[in-house]
Structure formats: structure tokens, C-alpha cells
Amino acid sequence: MKSLLAAVIVVWLLIGGLAAAQRGYFSGKKSNCAALSTTALTIVSGPLNYFGVNPKVSCKQVQKNLPQPSS
């Protein structure tokens, strides 16, 4: 049972990697928070990418809410 689950997870991630490659996320043009997070989320979402899921991450909103260091 564990080996079947492991095989399913590996295939799931390979399909997600294929989707990320087809979208050009491994081209290396952008390497910022949003690009890396979107690539990782695409890989994790696996086959769902082929059913219309197109995850995108924006790190700008997160950075606005972070506390600023005191001066």
C-alpha cells in the first residue's frame, strides 16, 4: 500500500513538473518570490493543471503587511 501511494505521489509531481515546463516556468528569466512560488504551486497541483487550475502567487500583498524594523 505504501509503495502504491509513493508511486501515485511521484507521478502526480511529475505531471505537475510537466505542466510547469510547458508554461515556461523553468526558463530562469524571473527568480523572485512570486515566480518561485507559482512554479512550486503548479508542481504541487499536479494533474489539476490540465483541468483548468492555473495557480498564481503574488508576494507584493504579503510584503505590505510585514512589520517594518525600527530605526
Protein backbone atom coordinates (compact mmCIF):
# COMPACT_ATOMS: atom_id res chain seq x y z
CA MET A 1 0.00 0.00 0.00
CA LYS A 2 2.82 2.43 0.86
CA SER A 3 4.62 1.77 -2.41
CA LEU A 4 1.42 2.42 -4.36
CA LEU A 5 0.91 5.71 -2.53
CA ALA A 6 4.54 6.68 -3.17
CA ALA A 7 4.16 5.87 -6.87
CA VAL A 8 0.99 7.96 -7.11
CA ILE A 9 2.73 10.91 -5.45
CA VAL A 10 5.74 10.66 -7.76
CA VAL A 11 3.52 10.51 -10.86
CA TRP A 12 1.43 13.43 -9.51
CA LEU A 13 4.55 15.59 -9.07
CA LEU A 14 5.96 14.58 -12.46
CA ILE A 15 2.74 15.68 -14.15
CA GLY A 16 2.91 18.98 -12.25
CA GLY A 17 6.52 19.41 -13.34
CA LEU A 18 5.48 18.81 -16.94
CA ALA A 19 2.77 21.45 -16.63
CA ALA A 20 5.28 23.94 -15.19
CA ALA A 21 7.72 23.21 -18.01
CA GLN A 22 5.01 23.68 -20.63
CA ARG A 23 4.19 27.08 -19.13
CA GLY A 24 7.86 28.08 -19.33
CA TYR A 25 8.42 28.40 -15.59
CA PHE A 26 11.88 26.79 -15.78
CA SER A 27 13.26 29.30 -18.28
CA GLY A 28 15.03 31.16 -15.48
CA LYS A 29 14.04 34.63 -16.68
CA LYS A 30 12.40 35.59 -13.37
CA SER A 31 13.59 34.38 -10.00
CA ASN A 32 11.59 36.29 -7.44
CA CYS A 33 9.17 35.28 -4.73
CA ALA A 34 6.11 35.20 -7.00
CA ALA A 35 7.80 33.23 -9.79
CA LEU A 36 9.26 30.61 -7.47
CA SER A 37 6.02 30.26 -5.51
CA THR A 38 3.92 29.96 -8.66
CA THR A 39 6.25 27.28 -10.03
CA ALA A 40 6.13 25.29 -6.78
CA LEU A 41 2.35 25.59 -6.56
CA THR A 42 1.98 24.46 -10.18
CA ILE A 43 4.08 21.36 -9.50
CA VAL A 44 2.15 20.51 -6.32
CA SER A 45 -1.22 20.93 -8.04
CA GLY A 46 -0.14 18.20 -10.49
CA PRO A 47 -2.80 16.93 -12.91
CA LEU A 48 -5.27 19.58 -11.76
CA ASN A 49 -3.36 21.94 -14.08
CA TYR A 50 -4.89 20.12 -17.04
CA PHE A 51 -8.40 20.61 -15.65
CA GLY A 52 -8.19 24.40 -15.57
CA VAL A 53 -6.24 25.12 -12.39
CA ASN A 54 -3.71 27.88 -13.05
CA PRO A 55 -2.20 28.86 -9.70
CA LYS A 56 -0.53 32.24 -9.40
CA VAL A 57 1.09 33.76 -6.33
CA SER A 58 1.66 37.45 -5.65
CA CYS A 59 4.15 38.27 -2.92
CA LYS A 60 3.55 42.04 -3.00
CA GLN A 61 0.50 41.85 -0.74
CA VAL A 62 2.34 39.77 1.82
CA GLN A 63 5.26 42.21 1.95
CA LYS A 64 2.96 45.20 2.59
CA ASN A 65 1.63 43.64 5.78
CA LEU A 66 5.01 42.79 7.29
CA PRO A 67 6.14 44.91 10.23
CA GLN A 68 8.94 47.34 9.46
CA PRO A 69 12.13 47.40 11.52
CA SER A 70 12.54 50.25 13.93
CA SER A 71 15.04 52.94 13.03
